[in-house]
Amino acid sequence: MGTVVQYQQRGNDERHQRWERLERADLLARSSALKAQDVSQRQAAKVLDVPRSPLQAWRAYHERLNESPAVVAFFQSVPGLAFLHRLVLAIHLVCVEVGACGIRLVCLRLQLTGLHRFVGASYGTQHQVTRRIEEAMVAYRRAESARLAHEMPAQDITVAQDETCTGGLCLVGIEARSNSILLEQEAQARDHDTWHRLMEQALTGLNCRVMQSTSDEAPGLLPDVEHPLGAHHSPDLFHVQHELSKAVSAPTAAKQRAAAKAVAKAEERRTRGHERLDNANGESAKQGPGRPPQATASLEQITPDVEAARQEHQRLAAQRETVIQSIRAIGHADHFVD
């Protein structure tokens, strides 16, 4: 009976090469220099303190590449690998971070230029590169924000606080005037204690005082602004406009719809009055002269009602348009930093 071995598959991030790529390039260059001095590969492996089999595998891999030997020699050298590294980083920065290009187009560019022979061009490999670049950019922005905060004189700041939920809950705090990231931390909750602890860590060592916070009306945020920070809270523009729209726009729209129905009913009554008047006139012509038909008096009463309903509908439509324009104007007038 055989033995069943429980094997747990490892991800790409858990696999570590014994030799880094630059180190391999350096070892290959030194072994080639020893080979030019008529030193055998076995002796070169002893001098370089490297097993012979990796040297053979590296050299065989280079010989199998479908590319010019001069190009292979350049990109497998230490200067060539350094250039290739800078080139791939530049492509990611320009195409993914600055431009509107995605990772798949980066992979296509590597394949079309033939660089896929020297660098992994799969989506998973290039996604790891993008992730490391984004982490480095965030770390740089944090360091730059901290440096500027230490260099600038003490001042009052406004902090915009919110949470994001892409890939897990993340609490964010940004200085509104400079757009500097003060806080960007994954968290298990967004309650008052978590906000207080993370904001206290983010503000430690900074030469500033939070005098105002702008955010939504989340229950965990409001107590943190009022007590630990001792700052003024300004609701963000979206929630102000949304609450006003719920309170005003819906009732105004209902009144306008009711006025439109009243206009339709009044016009329908007037149309029926005209039809009765036409029928009454036809019958009077057959019967001869006599008392005027009652439809004439009825039309004289309906006409003012129609005009009043139309004026009320126009008044409500103008009022609703004023409300819409006023809510939009809040966006132009709202500058909480000033």
C-alpha atoms as a PDB file:
ATOM      1  CA  MET A   1       0.000   0.000   0.000  1.00  0.00           C
ATOM      2  CA  GLY A   2       1.366   3.357  -0.966  1.00  0.00           C
ATOM      3  CA  THR A   3       1.708   6.348   1.308  1.00  0.00           C
ATOM      4  CA  VAL A   4      -0.412   9.390   0.604  1.00  0.00           C
ATOM      5  CA  VAL A   5       1.529  12.606   1.088  1.00  0.00           C
ATOM      6  CA  GLN A   6      -0.536  15.685   1.802  1.00  0.00           C
ATOM      7  CA  TYR A   7       0.836  18.420  -0.444  1.00  0.00           C
ATOM      8  CA  GLN A   8      -0.258  22.026  -0.153  1.00  0.00           C
ATOM      9  CA  GLN A   9       0.254  24.028  -3.325  1.00  0.00           C
ATOM     10  CA  ARG A  10       2.212  27.242  -2.873  1.00  0.00           C
ATOM     11  CA  GLY A  11       1.517  30.510  -4.624  1.00  0.00           C
ATOM     12  CA  ASN A  12       4.008  32.392  -6.759  1.00  0.00           C
ATOM     13  CA  ASP A  13       4.735  34.837  -3.934  1.00  0.00           C
ATOM     14  CA  GLU A  14       5.982  31.960  -1.706  1.00  0.00           C
ATOM     15  CA  ARG A  15       8.525  30.676  -4.223  1.00  0.00           C
ATOM     16  CA  HIS A  16      11.970  32.142  -3.746  1.00  0.00           C
ATOM     17  CA  GLN A  17      14.894  31.709  -6.129  1.00  0.00           C
ATOM     18  CA  ARG A  18      18.227  30.836  -4.600  1.00  0.00           C
ATOM     19  CA  TRP A  19      19.961  33.302  -6.880  1.00  0.00           C
ATOM     20  CA  GLU A  20      18.514  36.631  -7.871  1.00  0.00           C
ATOM     21  CA  ARG A  21      18.566  37.491 -11.556  1.00  0.00           C
ATOM     22  CA  LEU A  22      21.279  40.125 -11.248  1.00  0.00           C
ATOM     23  CA  GLU A  23      23.367  37.694  -9.236  1.00  0.00           C
ATOM     24  CA  ARG A  24      22.926  35.017 -11.909  1.00  0.00           C
ATOM     25  CA  ALA A  25      23.988  37.485 -14.598  1.00  0.00           C
ATOM     26  CA  ASP A  26      27.089  38.383 -12.610  1.00  0.00           C
ATOM     27  CA  LEU A  27      27.979  34.716 -12.049  1.00  0.00           C
ATOM     28  CA  LEU A  28      27.531  33.945 -15.757  1.00  0.00           C
ATOM     29  CA  ALA A  29      29.729  36.879 -16.744  1.00  0.00           C
ATOM     30  CA  ARG A  30      32.464  35.738 -14.364  1.00  0.00           C
ATOM     31  CA  SER A  31      32.218  32.131 -15.562  1.00  0.00           C
ATOM     32  CA  SER A  32      32.544  33.337 -19.189  1.00  0.00           C
ATOM     33  CA  ALA A  33      35.644  35.300 -18.206  1.00  0.00           C
ATOM     34  CA  LEU A  34      37.128  32.165 -16.598  1.00  0.00           C
ATOM     35  CA  LYS A  35      36.226  30.125 -19.678  1.00  0.00           C
ATOM     36  CA  ALA A  36      38.159  32.624 -21.826  1.00  0.00           C
ATOM     37  CA  GLN A  37      41.180  31.843 -19.624  1.00  0.00           C
ATOM     38  CA  ASP A  38      40.839  28.133 -20.488  1.00  0.00           C
ATOM     39  CA  VAL A  39      39.372  27.309 -17.080  1.00  0.00           C
ATOM     40  CA  SER A  40      37.014  24.328 -17.186  1.00  0.00           C
ATOM     41  CA  GLN A  41      33.405  24.683 -16.151  1.00  0.00           C
ATOM     42  CA  ARG A  42      33.927  22.370 -13.173  1.00  0.00           C
ATOM     43  CA  GLN A  43      36.858  24.459 -11.947  1.00  0.00           C
ATOM     44  CA  ALA A  44      34.927  27.693 -12.570  1.00  0.00           C
ATOM     45  CA  ALA A  45      32.045  26.374 -10.444  1.00  0.00           C
ATOM     46  CA  LYS A  46      34.484  25.733  -7.592  1.00  0.00           C
ATOM     47  CA  VAL A  47      36.009  29.208  -7.937  1.00  0.00           C
ATOM     48  CA  LEU A  48      32.584  30.873  -7.977  1.00  0.00           C
ATOM     49  CA  ASP A  49      31.284  28.600  -5.171  1.00  0.00           C
ATOM     50  CA  VAL A  50      28.282  27.618  -7.300  1.00  0.00           C
ATOM     51  CA  PRO A  51      27.080  24.122  -8.235  1.00  0.00           C
ATOM     52  CA  ARG A  52      27.961  23.168 -11.785  1.00  0.00           C
ATOM     53  CA  SER A  53      24.387  22.231 -12.790  1.00  0.00           C
ATOM     54  CA  PRO A  54      22.930  25.769 -12.410  1.00  0.00           C
ATOM     55  CA  LEU A  55      25.721  27.184 -14.578  1.00  0.00           C
ATOM     56  CA  GLN A  56      24.970  24.599 -17.254  1.00  0.00           C
ATOM     57  CA  ALA A  57      21.208  25.278 -17.057  1.00  0.00           C
ATOM     58  CA  TRP A  58      21.648  29.049 -17.301  1.00  0.00           C
ATOM     59  CA  ARG A  59      23.937  28.805 -20.277  1.00  0.00           C
ATOM     60  CA  ALA A  60      21.664  26.304 -22.045  1.00  0.00           C
ATOM     61  CA  TYR A  61      18.675  28.574 -21.492  1.00  0.00           C
ATOM     62  CA  HIS A  62      20.507  31.495 -23.137  1.00  0.00           C
ATOM     63  CA  GLU A  63      21.423  29.353 -26.120  1.00  0.00           C
ATOM     64  CA  ARG A  64      17.775  28.283 -26.610  1.00  0.00           C
ATOM     65  CA  LEU A  65      16.441  31.849 -26.808  1.00  0.00           C
ATOM     66  CA  ASN A  66      15.168  32.704 -30.292  1.00  0.00           C
ATOM     67  CA  GLU A  67      16.995  36.008 -30.508  1.00  0.00           C
ATOM     68  CA  SER A  68      20.250  37.467 -31.754  1.00  0.00           C
ATOM     69  CA  PRO A  69      23.209  36.364 -29.582  1.00  0.00           C
ATOM     70  CA  ALA A  70      24.266  40.002 -29.175  1.00  0.00           C
ATOM     71  CA  VAL A  71      20.785  40.953 -27.884  1.00  0.00           C
ATOM     72  CA  VAL A  72      20.758  37.944 -25.562  1.00  0.00           C
ATOM     73  CA  ALA A  73      24.197  38.817 -24.253  1.00  0.00           C
ATOM     74  CA  PHE A  74      23.105  42.404 -23.556  1.00  0.00           C
ATOM     75  CA  PHE A  75      19.845  41.631 -21.770  1.00  0.00           C
ATOM     76  CA  GLN A  76      21.435  38.853 -19.733  1.00  0.00           C
ATOM     77  CA  SER A  77      24.248  41.116 -18.567  1.00  0.00           C
ATOM     78  CA  VAL A  78      24.066  43.221 -15.411  1.00  0.00           C
ATOM     79  CA  PRO A  79      23.789  46.574 -17.313  1.00  0.00           C
ATOM     80  CA  GLY A  80      21.226  45.067 -19.702  1.00  0.00           C
ATOM     81  CA  LEU A  81      19.080  43.752 -16.857  1.00  0.00           C
ATOM     82  CA  ALA A  82      19.230  47.136 -15.121  1.00  0.00           C
ATOM     83  CA  PHE A  83      18.082  48.804 -18.379  1.00  0.00           C
ATOM     84  CA  LEU A  84      15.313  46.215 -18.837  1.00  0.00           C
ATOM     85  CA  HIS A  85      14.139  46.846 -15.284  1.00  0.00           C
ATOM     86  CA  ARG A  86      13.934  50.615 -15.859  1.00  0.00           C
ATOM     87  CA  LEU A  87      12.173  50.075 -19.208  1.00  0.00           C
ATOM     88  CA  VAL A  88       9.439  47.853 -17.716  1.00  0.00           C
ATOM     89  CA  LEU A  89       8.887  50.281 -14.834  1.00  0.00           C
ATOM     90  CA  ALA A  90       8.617  53.183 -17.291  1.00  0.00           C
ATOM     91  CA  ILE A  91       6.038  51.292 -19.389  1.00  0.00           C
ATOM     92  CA  HIS A  92       3.923  50.611 -16.301  1.00  0.00           C
ATOM     93  CA  LEU A  93       4.147  54.187 -15.037  1.00  0.00           C
ATOM     94  CA  VAL A  94       3.261  55.760 -18.395  1.00  0.00           C
ATOM     95  CA  CYS A  95       0.685  53.247 -19.619  1.00  0.00           C
ATOM     96  CA  VAL A  96      -1.021  52.084 -16.410  1.00  0.00           C
ATOM     97  CA  GLU A  97      -0.595  54.814 -13.796  1.00  0.00           C
ATOM     98  CA  VAL A  98      -0.519  57.957 -15.993  1.00  0.00           C
ATOM     99  CA  GLY A  99      -2.379  56.850 -19.111  1.00  0.00           C
ATOM    100  CA  ALA A 100      -5.580  54.895 -19.601  1.00  0.00           C
ATOM    101  CA  CYS A 101      -3.871  51.671 -20.666  1.00  0.00           C
ATOM    102  CA  GLY A 102      -4.394  48.417 -18.776  1.00  0.00           C
ATOM    103  CA  ILE A 103      -2.050  45.624 -17.751  1.00  0.00           C
ATOM    104  CA  ARG A 104      -3.094  43.422 -20.687  1.00  0.00           C
ATOM    105  CA  LEU A 105      -1.890  46.046 -23.163  1.00  0.00           C
ATOM    106  CA  VAL A 106       1.432  46.153 -21.308  1.00  0.00           C
ATOM    107  CA  CYS A 107       1.695  42.389 -21.816  1.00  0.00           C
ATOM    108  CA  LEU A 108       0.902  42.843 -25.518  1.00  0.00           C
ATOM    109  CA  ARG A 109       3.589  45.524 -25.832  1.00  0.00           C
ATOM    110  CA  LEU A 110       6.185  43.206 -24.277  1.00  0.00           C
ATOM    111  CA  GLN A 111       5.252  40.431 -26.707  1.00  0.00           C
ATOM    112  CA  LEU A 112       5.287  42.646 -29.811  1.00  0.00           C
ATOM    113  CA  THR A 113       8.707  44.093 -28.935  1.00  0.00           C
ATOM    114  CA  GLY A 114      10.187  40.656 -28.232  1.00  0.00           C
ATOM    115  CA  LEU A 115      10.941  41.553 -24.620  1.00  0.00           C
ATOM    116  CA  HIS A 116       8.810  38.610 -23.488  1.00  0.00           C
ATOM    117  CA  ARG A 117      11.906  36.474 -24.123  1.00  0.00           C
ATOM    118  CA  PHE A 118      13.654  38.219 -21.241  1.00  0.00           C
ATOM    119  CA  VAL A 119      10.835  39.216 -18.892  1.00  0.00           C
ATOM    120  CA  GLY A 120       7.592  37.504 -17.940  1.00  0.00           C
ATOM    121  CA  ALA A 121       4.762  38.852 -20.094  1.00  0.00           C
ATOM    122  CA  SER A 122       1.836  37.055 -18.434  1.00  0.00           C
ATOM    123  CA  TYR A 123      -0.935  39.021 -16.750  1.00  0.00           C
ATOM    124  CA  GLY A 124      -0.110  37.600 -13.317  1.00  0.00           C
ATOM    125  CA  THR A 125       3.557  38.572 -13.534  1.00  0.00           C
ATOM    126  CA  GLN A 126       2.864  42.113 -14.717  1.00  0.00           C
ATOM    127  CA  HIS A 127       0.067  42.527 -12.161  1.00  0.00           C
ATOM    128  CA  GLN A 128       2.647  41.926  -9.424  1.00  0.00           C
ATOM    129  CA  VAL A 129       4.826  44.649 -10.965  1.00  0.00           C
ATOM    130  CA  THR A 130       1.895  47.088 -10.981  1.00  0.00           C
ATOM    131  CA  ARG A 131       1.060  46.257  -7.380  1.00  0.00           C
ATOM    132  CA  ARG A 132       4.632  46.909  -6.228  1.00  0.00           C
ATOM    133  CA  ILE A 133       4.736  50.197  -8.154  1.00  0.00           C
ATOM    134  CA  GLU A 134       1.492  51.347  -6.523  1.00  0.00           C
ATOM    135  CA  GLU A 135       2.799  50.395  -3.077  1.00  0.00           C
ATOM    136  CA  ALA A 136       6.007  52.339  -3.754  1.00  0.00           C
ATOM    137  CA  MET A 137       4.003  55.371  -4.941  1.00  0.00           C
ATOM    138  CA  VAL A 138       1.853  55.331  -1.802  1.00  0.00           C
ATOM    139  CA  ALA A 139       4.942  55.014   0.416  1.00  0.00           C
ATOM    140  CA  TYR A 140       6.605  57.907  -1.413  1.00  0.00           C
ATOM    141  CA  ARG A 141       3.533  60.123  -1.065  1.00  0.00           C
ATOM    142  CA  ARG A 142       3.332  59.336   2.629  1.00  0.00           C
ATOM    143  CA  ALA A 143       7.005  60.118   3.135  1.00  0.00           C
ATOM    144  CA  GLU A 144       6.700  63.327   1.114  1.00  0.00           C
ATOM    145  CA  SER A 145       3.627  64.378   3.065  1.00  0.00           C
ATOM    146  CA  ALA A 146       5.424  63.727   6.338  1.00  0.00           C
ATOM    147  CA  ARG A 147       8.474  65.692   5.168  1.00  0.00           C
ATOM    148  CA  LEU A 148       6.401  68.662   4.098  1.00  0.00           C
ATOM    149  CA  ALA A 149       4.406  68.528   7.318  1.00  0.00           C
ATOM    150  CA  HIS A 150       7.604  68.715   9.385  1.00  0.00           C
ATOM    151  CA  GLU A 151       9.073  71.520   7.315  1.00  0.00           C
ATOM    152  CA  MET A 152       6.015  73.763   7.155  1.00  0.00           C
ATOM    153  CA  PRO A 153       5.037  75.997  10.090  1.00  0.00           C
ATOM    154  CA  ALA A 154       2.261  74.942  12.441  1.00  0.00           C
ATOM    155  CA  GLN A 155      -1.113  75.441  10.838  1.00  0.00           C
ATOM    156  CA  ASP A 156      -4.738  74.405  11.000  1.00  0.00           C
ATOM    157  CA  ILE A 157      -5.825  71.831   8.448  1.00  0.00           C
ATOM    158  CA  THR A 158      -9.043  70.346   7.091  1.00  0.00           C
ATOM    159  CA  VAL A 159      -9.198  66.557   6.848  1.00  0.00           C
ATOM    160  CA  ALA A 160     -11.502  64.695   4.471  1.00  0.00           C
ATOM    161  CA  GLN A 161     -12.348  61.301   6.005  1.00  0.00           C
ATOM    162  CA  ASP A 162     -14.010  58.340   4.366  1.00  0.00           C
ATOM    163  CA  GLU A 163     -13.761  54.594   3.954  1.00  0.00           C
ATOM    164  CA  THR A 164     -13.297  52.414   0.888  1.00  0.00           C
ATOM    165  CA  CYS A 165     -14.327  48.792   0.555  1.00  0.00           C
ATOM    166  CA  THR A 166     -12.438  47.567  -2.551  1.00  0.00           C
ATOM    167  CA  GLY A 167     -10.471  44.506  -1.486  1.00  0.00           C
ATOM    168  CA  GLY A 168     -11.446  45.005   2.157  1.00  0.00           C
ATOM    169  CA  LEU A 169     -12.282  47.885   4.475  1.00  0.00           C
ATOM    170  CA  CYS A 170      -9.758  50.745   4.342  1.00  0.00           C
ATOM    171  CA  LEU A 171     -10.003  54.001   6.335  1.00  0.00           C
ATOM    172  CA  VAL A 172      -8.715  57.095   4.519  1.00  0.00           C
ATOM    173  CA  GLY A 173      -7.889  60.625   5.681  1.00  0.00           C
ATOM    174  CA  ILE A 174      -6.644  63.300   3.237  1.00  0.00           C
ATOM    175  CA  GLU A 175      -5.566  66.881   3.892  1.00  0.00           C
ATOM    176  CA  ALA A 176      -8.040  68.771   1.728  1.00  0.00           C
ATOM    177  CA  ARG A 177      -5.895  71.689   0.585  1.00  0.00           C
ATOM    178  CA  SER A 178      -2.726  69.831  -0.464  1.00  0.00           C
ATOM    179  CA  ASN A 179      -4.404  66.464  -1.227  1.00  0.00           C
ATOM    180  CA  SER A 180      -1.780  64.757   0.954  1.00  0.00           C
ATOM    181  CA  ILE A 181      -2.631  61.324   2.334  1.00  0.00           C
ATOM    182  CA  LEU A 182      -2.526  61.374   6.122  1.00  0.00           C
ATOM    183  CA  LEU A 183      -4.214  58.024   6.699  1.00  0.00           C
ATOM    184  CA  GLU A 184      -4.667  54.987   4.481  1.00  0.00           C
ATOM    185  CA  GLN A 185      -4.980  51.919   6.651  1.00  0.00           C
ATOM    186  CA  GLU A 186      -6.820  48.624   6.398  1.00  0.00           C
ATOM    187  CA  ALA A 187      -9.142  48.055   9.340  1.00  0.00           C
ATOM    188  CA  GLN A 188     -11.535  45.444  10.677  1.00  0.00           C
ATOM    189  CA  ALA A 189     -14.182  48.023  11.639  1.00  0.00           C
ATOM    190  CA  ARG A 190     -15.078  51.678  11.129  1.00  0.00           C
ATOM    191  CA  ASP A 191     -16.328  52.459  14.622  1.00  0.00           C
ATOM    192  CA  HIS A 192     -15.334  55.384  16.833  1.00  0.00           C
ATOM    193  CA  ASP A 193     -12.435  53.596  18.603  1.00  0.00           C
ATOM    194  CA  THR A 194     -10.853  52.464  15.322  1.00  0.00           C
ATOM    195  CA  TRP A 195     -11.059  55.929  13.769  1.00  0.00           C
ATOM    196  CA  HIS A 196      -9.648  57.537  16.920  1.00  0.00           C
ATOM    197  CA  ARG A 197      -6.710  55.116  17.151  1.00  0.00           C
ATOM    198  CA  LEU A 198      -5.728  55.352  13.477  1.00  0.00           C
ATOM    199  CA  MET A 199      -6.117  59.154  13.261  1.00  0.00           C
ATOM    200  CA  GLU A 200      -4.019  59.569  16.397  1.00  0.00           C
ATOM    201  CA  GLN A 201      -1.250  57.474  14.844  1.00  0.00           C
ATOM    202  CA  ALA A 202      -1.490  59.395  11.546  1.00  0.00           C
ATOM    203  CA  LEU A 203      -1.216  62.823  13.225  1.00  0.00           C
ATOM    204  CA  THR A 204       1.613  61.881  15.575  1.00  0.00           C
ATOM    205  CA  GLY A 205       4.665  64.014  14.839  1.00  0.00           C
ATOM    206  CA  LEU A 206       2.884  66.353  12.419  1.00  0.00           C
ATOM    207  CA  ASN A 207       3.099  70.074  13.086  1.00  0.00           C
ATOM    208  CA  CYS A 208      -0.599  70.760  12.554  1.00  0.00           C
ATOM    209  CA  ARG A 209      -4.003  70.818  14.222  1.00  0.00           C
ATOM    210  CA  VAL A 210      -7.201  69.479  12.702  1.00  0.00           C
ATOM    211  CA  MET A 211      -9.683  72.363  12.879  1.00  0.00           C
ATOM    212  CA  GLN A 212     -12.293  70.858  10.531  1.00  0.00           C
ATOM    213  CA  SER A 213     -13.331  67.478   9.196  1.00  0.00           C
ATOM    214  CA  THR A 214     -15.549  66.883   6.199  1.00  0.00           C
ATOM    215  CA  SER A 215     -17.215  63.489   5.796  1.00  0.00           C
ATOM    216  CA  ASP A 216     -20.542  61.762   5.666  1.00  0.00           C
ATOM    217  CA  GLU A 217     -22.779  61.329   8.700  1.00  0.00           C
ATOM    218  CA  ALA A 218     -21.340  57.941   9.705  1.00  0.00           C
ATOM    219  CA  PRO A 219     -21.897  57.220  13.434  1.00  0.00           C
ATOM    220  CA  GLY A 220     -18.273  56.228  13.926  1.00  0.00           C
ATOM    221  CA  LEU A 221     -16.918  59.453  12.414  1.00  0.00           C
ATOM    222  CA  LEU A 222     -18.968  62.125  14.140  1.00  0.00           C
ATOM    223  CA  PRO A 223     -17.887  61.305  17.748  1.00  0.00           C
ATOM    224  CA  ASP A 224     -14.234  61.120  16.631  1.00  0.00           C
ATOM    225  CA  VAL A 225     -14.446  64.636  15.157  1.00  0.00           C
ATOM    226  CA  GLU A 226     -16.253  66.120  18.156  1.00  0.00           C
ATOM    227  CA  HIS A 227     -14.290  64.746  21.112  1.00  0.00           C
ATOM    228  CA  PRO A 228     -10.715  63.542  20.375  1.00  0.00           C
ATOM    229  CA  LEU A 229     -10.048  65.981  17.528  1.00  0.00           C
ATOM    230  CA  GLY A 230     -12.142  68.810  18.942  1.00  0.00           C
ATOM    231  CA  ALA A 231     -12.846  69.963  15.390  1.00  0.00           C
ATOM    232  CA  HIS A 232     -15.792  71.315  13.442  1.00  0.00           C
ATOM    233  CA  HIS A 233     -17.627  68.838  11.224  1.00  0.00           C
ATOM    234  CA  SER A 234     -18.750  69.839   7.733  1.00  0.00           C
ATOM    235  CA  PRO A 235     -20.913  67.314   5.887  1.00  0.00           C
ATOM    236  CA  ASP A 236     -19.646  66.505   2.440  1.00  0.00           C
ATOM    237  CA  LEU A 237     -21.380  68.081  -0.522  1.00  0.00           C
ATOM    238  CA  PHE A 238     -22.974  64.904  -1.865  1.00  0.00           C
ATOM    239  CA  HIS A 239     -24.900  64.186   1.316  1.00  0.00           C
ATOM    240  CA  VAL A 240     -26.058  67.810   1.662  1.00  0.00           C
ATOM    241  CA  GLN A 241     -27.467  67.824  -1.865  1.00  0.00           C
ATOM    242  CA  HIS A 242     -28.914  64.339  -1.449  1.00  0.00           C
ATOM    243  CA  GLU A 243     -30.767  65.218   1.760  1.00  0.00           C
ATOM    244  CA  LEU A 244     -32.096  68.461   0.257  1.00  0.00           C
ATOM    245  CA  SER A 245     -33.248  66.617  -2.840  1.00  0.00           C
ATOM    246  CA  LYS A 246     -35.122  64.047  -0.744  1.00  0.00           C
ATOM    247  CA  ALA A 247     -36.752  66.750   1.386  1.00  0.00           C
ATOM    248  CA  VAL A 248     -37.744  69.176  -1.386  1.00  0.00           C
ATOM    249  CA  SER A 249     -37.611  67.672  -4.865  1.00  0.00           C
ATOM    250  CA  ALA A 250     -39.934  64.713  -4.296  1.00  0.00           C
ATOM    251  CA  PRO A 251     -42.817  66.719  -2.713  1.00  0.00           C
ATOM    252  CA  THR A 252     -42.474  69.450  -5.365  1.00  0.00           C
ATOM    253  CA  ALA A 253     -42.575  66.851  -8.149  1.00  0.00           C
ATOM    254  CA  ALA A 254     -45.715  65.290  -6.607  1.00  0.00           C
ATOM    255  CA  LYS A 255     -47.458  68.670  -6.524  1.00  0.00           C
ATOM    256  CA  GLN A 256     -46.453  69.330 -10.133  1.00  0.00           C
ATOM    257  CA  ARG A 257     -47.863  65.965 -11.240  1.00  0.00           C
ATOM    258  CA  ALA A 258     -51.119  66.676  -9.390  1.00  0.00           C
ATOM    259  CA  ALA A 259     -51.351  70.105 -11.092  1.00  0.00           C
ATOM    260  CA  ALA A 260     -50.782  68.485 -14.498  1.00  0.00           C
ATOM    261  CA  LYS A 261     -53.634  66.042 -13.806  1.00  0.00           C
ATOM    262  CA  ALA A 262     -55.878  68.981 -12.781  1.00  0.00           C
ATOM    263  CA  VAL A 263     -55.095  70.753 -16.065  1.00  0.00           C
ATOM    264  CA  ALA A 264     -55.915  67.600 -18.033  1.00  0.00           C
ATOM    265  CA  LYS A 265     -59.232  67.155 -16.199  1.00  0.00           C
ATOM    266  CA  ALA A 266     -60.215  70.825 -16.682  1.00  0.00           C
ATOM    267  CA  GLU A 267     -59.435  70.678 -20.402  1.00  0.00           C
ATOM    268  CA  GLU A 268     -61.392  67.453 -20.685  1.00  0.00           C
ATOM    269  CA  ARG A 269     -64.429  69.142 -19.020  1.00  0.00           C
ATOM    270  CA  ARG A 270     -64.128  72.077 -21.421  1.00  0.00           C
ATOM    271  CA  THR A 271     -63.967  69.716 -24.404  1.00  0.00           C
ATOM    272  CA  ARG A 272     -67.125  67.941 -23.251  1.00  0.00           C
ATOM    273  CA  GLY A 273     -68.801  71.355 -22.782  1.00  0.00           C
ATOM    274  CA  HIS A 274     -67.983  72.316 -26.371  1.00  0.00           C
ATOM    275  CA  GLU A 275     -69.419  69.015 -27.577  1.00  0.00           C
ATOM    276  CA  ARG A 276     -72.656  69.555 -25.614  1.00  0.00           C
ATOM    277  CA  LEU A 277     -72.881  73.130 -26.936  1.00  0.00           C
ATOM    278  CA  ASP A 278     -72.506  71.930 -30.534  1.00  0.00           C
ATOM    279  CA  ASN A 279     -75.195  69.310 -30.021  1.00  0.00           C
ATOM    280  CA  ALA A 280     -77.506  71.849 -28.341  1.00  0.00           C
ATOM    281  CA  ASN A 281     -77.056  74.348 -31.191  1.00  0.00           C
ATOM    282  CA  GLY A 282     -77.934  71.686 -33.722  1.00  0.00           C
ATOM    283  CA  GLU A 283     -81.112  70.735 -31.890  1.00  0.00           C
ATOM    284  CA  SER A 284     -82.121  74.444 -31.456  1.00  0.00           C
ATOM    285  CA  ALA A 285     -81.817  74.998 -35.206  1.00  0.00           C
ATOM    286  CA  LYS A 286     -84.237  72.150 -35.799  1.00  0.00           C
ATOM    287  CA  GLN A 287     -86.723  73.252 -33.086  1.00  0.00           C
ATOM    288  CA  GLY A 288     -86.675  77.011 -33.856  1.00  0.00           C
ATOM    289  CA  PRO A 289     -86.070  79.977 -31.556  1.00  0.00           C
ATOM    290  CA  GLY A 290     -86.318  79.532 -27.804  1.00  0.00           C
ATOM    291  CA  ARG A 291     -84.335  79.642 -24.550  1.00  0.00           C
ATOM    292  CA  PRO A 292     -80.493  79.535 -25.075  1.00  0.00           C
ATOM    293  CA  PRO A 293     -78.866  76.197 -24.217  1.00  0.00           C
ATOM    294  CA  GLN A 294     -77.390  75.667 -20.723  1.00  0.00           C
ATOM    295  CA  ALA A 295     -74.010  74.537 -22.176  1.00  0.00           C
ATOM    296  CA  THR A 296     -73.053  78.166 -22.849  1.00  0.00           C
ATOM    297  CA  ALA A 297     -73.287  79.087 -19.177  1.00  0.00           C
ATOM    298  CA  SER A 298     -71.379  75.943 -18.226  1.00  0.00           C
ATOM    299  CA  LEU A 299     -68.481  76.806 -20.586  1.00  0.00           C
ATOM    300  CA  GLU A 300     -68.187  80.275 -19.084  1.00  0.00           C
ATOM    301  CA  GLN A 301     -67.628  78.656 -15.685  1.00  0.00           C
ATOM    302  CA  ILE A 302     -65.134  76.024 -16.922  1.00  0.00           C
ATOM    303  CA  THR A 303     -62.818  78.385 -18.849  1.00  0.00           C
ATOM    304  CA  PRO A 304     -61.526  80.259 -15.733  1.00  0.00           C
ATOM    305  CA  ASP A 305     -60.921  76.906 -14.013  1.00  0.00           C
ATOM    306  CA  VAL A 306     -58.764  75.758 -16.951  1.00  0.00           C
ATOM    307  CA  GLU A 307     -56.707  78.953 -16.903  1.00  0.00           C
ATOM    308  CA  ALA A 308     -56.256  78.742 -13.108  1.00  0.00           C
ATOM    309  CA  ALA A 309     -55.086  75.092 -13.362  1.00  0.00           C
ATOM    310  CA  ARG A 310     -52.602  76.019 -16.118  1.00  0.00           C
ATOM    311  CA  GLN A 311     -51.182  78.910 -14.083  1.00  0.00           C
ATOM    312  CA  GLU A 312     -50.809  76.686 -11.006  1.00  0.00           C
ATOM    313  CA  HIS A 313     -48.978  74.048 -13.080  1.00  0.00           C
ATOM    314  CA  GLN A 314     -46.635  76.680 -14.548  1.00  0.00           C
ATOM    315  CA  ARG A 315     -45.985  78.130 -11.093  1.00  0.00           C
ATOM    316  CA  LEU A 316     -45.071  74.715  -9.654  1.00  0.00           C
ATOM    317  CA  ALA A 317     -42.872  73.894 -12.685  1.00  0.00           C
ATOM    318  CA  ALA A 318     -40.970  77.169 -12.230  1.00  0.00           C
ATOM    319  CA  GLN A 319     -40.661  76.494  -8.499  1.00  0.00           C
ATOM    320  CA  ARG A 320     -39.263  73.008  -9.124  1.00  0.00           C
ATOM    321  CA  GLU A 321     -36.732  74.350 -11.622  1.00  0.00           C
ATOM    322  CA  THR A 322     -35.652  76.955  -9.048  1.00  0.00           C
ATOM    323  CA  VAL A 323     -35.128  74.191  -6.479  1.00  0.00           C
ATOM    324  CA  ILE A 324     -33.001  72.152  -8.922  1.00  0.00           C
ATOM    325  CA  GLN A 325     -30.850  75.143  -9.837  1.00  0.00           C
ATOM    326  CA  SER A 326     -30.436  76.096  -6.163  1.00  0.00           C
ATOM    327  CA  ILE A 327     -29.261  72.604  -5.212  1.00  0.00           C
ATOM    328  CA  ARG A 328     -26.768  72.677  -8.080  1.00  0.00           C
ATOM    329  CA  ALA A 329     -25.583  76.133  -7.005  1.00  0.00           C
ATOM    330  CA  ILE A 330     -24.577  74.686  -3.637  1.00  0.00           C
ATOM    331  CA  GLY A 331     -21.853  72.761  -5.449  1.00  0.00           C
ATOM    332  CA  HIS A 332     -20.401  75.987  -6.880  1.00  0.00           C
ATOM    333  CA  ALA A 333     -20.660  77.855  -3.578  1.00  0.00           C
ATOM    334  CA  ASP A 334     -19.353  75.053  -1.329  1.00  0.00           C
ATOM    335  CA  HIS A 335     -15.637  75.569  -0.607  1.00  0.00           C
ATOM    336  CA  PHE A 336     -15.222  74.163   2.880  1.00  0.00           C
ATOM    337  CA  VAL A 337     -11.453  74.768   2.904  1.00  0.00           C
ATOM    338  CA  ASP A 338     -11.916  78.535   2.442  1.00  0.00           C
END
